[in-house]
Protein backbone atom coordinates (compact mmCIF):
# COMPACT_ATOMS: atom_id res chain seq x y z
CA MET A 1 9.22 -4.58 49.71
CA LYS A 2 8.62 -1.25 47.73
CA LYS A 3 10.95 -2.38 45.22
CA GLU A 4 8.99 -5.44 44.27
CA LYS A 5 5.92 -3.79 43.76
CA TRP A 6 7.37 -1.64 41.35
CA PHE A 7 9.08 -4.86 40.03
CA LEU A 8 5.79 -6.15 39.26
CA LEU A 9 3.72 -3.19 38.42
CA VAL A 10 6.41 -2.52 35.40
CA LEU A 11 6.09 -6.58 33.96
CA MET A 12 2.43 -6.04 34.58
CA LEU A 13 2.47 -3.22 32.30
CA PHE A 14 5.46 -3.52 30.17
CA PRO A 15 3.64 -6.30 27.99
CA LEU A 16 0.69 -3.42 27.38
CA PRO A 17 2.51 -1.81 24.04
CA LEU A 18 2.76 -4.91 22.57
CA ILE A 19 -0.60 -6.14 22.65
CA ALA A 20 -1.25 -2.91 21.32
CA GLU A 21 1.04 -3.45 18.25
CA MET A 22 -0.61 -6.88 17.82
CA LYS A 23 -3.94 -5.14 16.94
CA ALA A 24 -3.11 -3.92 14.36
CA VAL A 25 -4.47 -6.04 11.19
CA GLU A 26 -3.45 -5.00 8.15
CA HIS A 27 -5.81 -5.95 4.75
CA SER A 28 -5.09 -5.54 1.25
CA ILE A 29 -7.34 -5.26 -2.10
CA GLU A 30 -7.08 -6.78 -5.28
CA ALA A 31 -7.31 -4.12 -7.76
CA GLU A 32 -7.90 -4.65 -11.37
CA LYS A 33 -7.23 -0.89 -11.72
CA ALA A 34 -5.51 1.71 -9.68
CA LEU A 35 -5.18 5.04 -10.00
CA TYR A 36 -2.00 7.15 -8.07
CA PHE A 37 -1.68 10.71 -6.98
CA PHE A 38 1.67 11.77 -5.44
CA ASP A 39 2.40 14.85 -3.64
CA GLN A 40 6.03 15.71 -4.62
CA SER A 41 6.43 18.45 -1.81
CA THR A 42 4.32 17.04 1.01
CA GLY A 43 5.44 13.33 0.89
CA THR A 44 2.25 12.43 0.57
CA GLY A 45 -0.48 10.49 -1.77
CA ARG A 46 -3.56 8.79 -2.08
CA ILE A 47 -4.39 5.64 -4.55
CA ILE A 48 -8.18 5.34 -5.66
CA ALA A 49 -8.61 1.57 -6.45
CA PHE A 50 -11.20 -0.51 -8.57
CA SER A 51 -11.93 -4.02 -7.53
CA CYS A 52 -13.73 -4.36 -10.40
CA VAL A 53 -15.65 -2.32 -13.40
CA SER A 54 -19.16 -1.90 -11.45
CA CYS A 55 -17.43 -2.04 -7.88
CA PRO A 56 -17.22 1.27 -6.23
CA PRO A 57 -13.60 2.73 -5.52
CA VAL A 58 -11.07 2.07 -2.21
CA SER A 59 -9.81 5.59 -1.22
CA LEU A 60 -6.14 5.20 0.71
CA ALA A 61 -3.57 7.88 1.78
CA PHE A 62 0.14 6.63 1.83
CA PHE A 63 3.40 8.46 2.55
CA LYS A 64 6.56 8.67 0.60
CA GLU A 65 7.99 5.65 2.72
CA ILE A 66 5.07 3.52 1.36
CA LYS A 67 7.12 0.02 -0.12
CA VAL A 68 6.24 -0.38 -4.01
CA LYS A 69 7.44 -3.68 -5.45
CA VAL A 70 7.07 -3.94 -9.74
CA ASP A 71 8.63 -6.80 -11.48
CA GLY A 72 10.05 -8.41 -8.10
CA GLY A 73 11.71 -4.90 -7.66
CA ILE A 74 11.28 -1.81 -5.52
CA VAL A 75 10.64 1.40 -7.14
CA ASP A 76 10.72 5.33 -5.07
CA SER A 77 7.27 5.63 -4.66
CA ALA A 78 7.43 9.06 -6.09
CA GLU A 79 7.50 6.50 -9.54
CA LEU A 80 3.80 4.92 -8.46
CA GLY A 81 2.07 7.56 -10.57
CA LYS A 82 3.61 6.12 -13.77
CA TYR A 83 1.92 2.61 -12.97
CA SER A 84 -1.45 4.27 -12.87
CA GLY A 85 -3.94 2.10 -14.75
CA TYR A 86 -2.53 -0.83 -13.96
CA SER A 87 -3.75 -4.16 -12.07
CA ALA A 88 -2.18 -4.30 -8.17
CA THR A 89 -2.35 -5.58 -4.75
CA ILE A 90 -2.41 -2.82 -1.80
CA PHE A 91 -1.77 -3.54 1.95
CA PHE A 92 -3.09 -1.18 4.51
CA ASP A 93 -4.17 -0.24 7.73
CA GLN A 94 -8.00 -0.77 8.23
CA SER A 95 -8.76 1.33 10.98
CA SER A 96 -6.68 4.16 9.59
CA LYS A 97 -7.16 3.38 5.47
CA LEU A 98 -3.41 4.24 5.05
CA ALA A 99 -2.07 1.76 2.38
CA ILE A 100 1.97 -0.15 3.98
CA ARG A 101 2.85 -1.26 0.58
CA VAL A 102 1.61 -2.20 -3.55
CA ASN A 103 2.26 -4.88 -5.66
CA VAL A 104 2.26 -3.27 -8.92
CA GLY A 105 0.59 -6.18 -11.79
CA GLU A 106 -0.16 -6.57 -15.41
CA ARG A 107 -1.64 -3.29 -17.47
CA SER A 108 -5.66 -3.06 -17.00
CA ALA A 109 -7.19 -3.86 -20.21
CA ILE A 110 -10.62 -2.08 -19.39
CA GLY A 111 -11.51 0.83 -21.42
CA ASN A 112 -12.23 3.85 -19.29
CA THR A 113 -8.36 3.43 -18.28
CA PRO A 114 -6.50 6.67 -19.82
CA PRO A 115 -3.50 5.89 -21.88
CA LEU A 116 -0.10 6.40 -20.71
CA SER A 117 2.17 9.58 -22.86
CA SER A 118 4.87 6.46 -22.47
CA PRO A 119 4.63 3.77 -20.56
CA PRO A 120 7.32 2.38 -18.66
CA PRO A 121 9.98 -0.31 -19.28
CA ARG A 122 8.56 -3.75 -18.20
CA ARG A 123 10.89 -6.66 -18.33
CA GLU A 124 9.62 -9.65 -21.09
CA LYS A 125 8.37 -12.42 -19.31
CA ASN A 126 10.46 -15.78 -20.32
CA GLY A 127 9.62 -17.80 -23.19
CA LYS A 128 9.13 -21.46 -22.12
């Protein structure tokens, strides 16, 4: 009888970690311009995202394990700073304000964007 009670207790408690995992909801922001700051020594960084010219900026933290997608390929998070000023779709955890992944878009045409010293290479668009 004692083993049956423990077995039932384990069955009841087993799904709790799975339920806790399901509560984390991923949000995204479409940034017209995003600025990236990465500290190589700590492996952490910060993203300042602007949804529009007059919108207040959104500040998100990230770790070096963040997934960064540029032109369909994955790049290292240390290279993220090269894409400051580009548009981006940023996926993050709302409760912790922690960025999970970034899809870098095109260079922003906003007037207050600082010029890059040497823009990173971009793939040519198919002229069909």
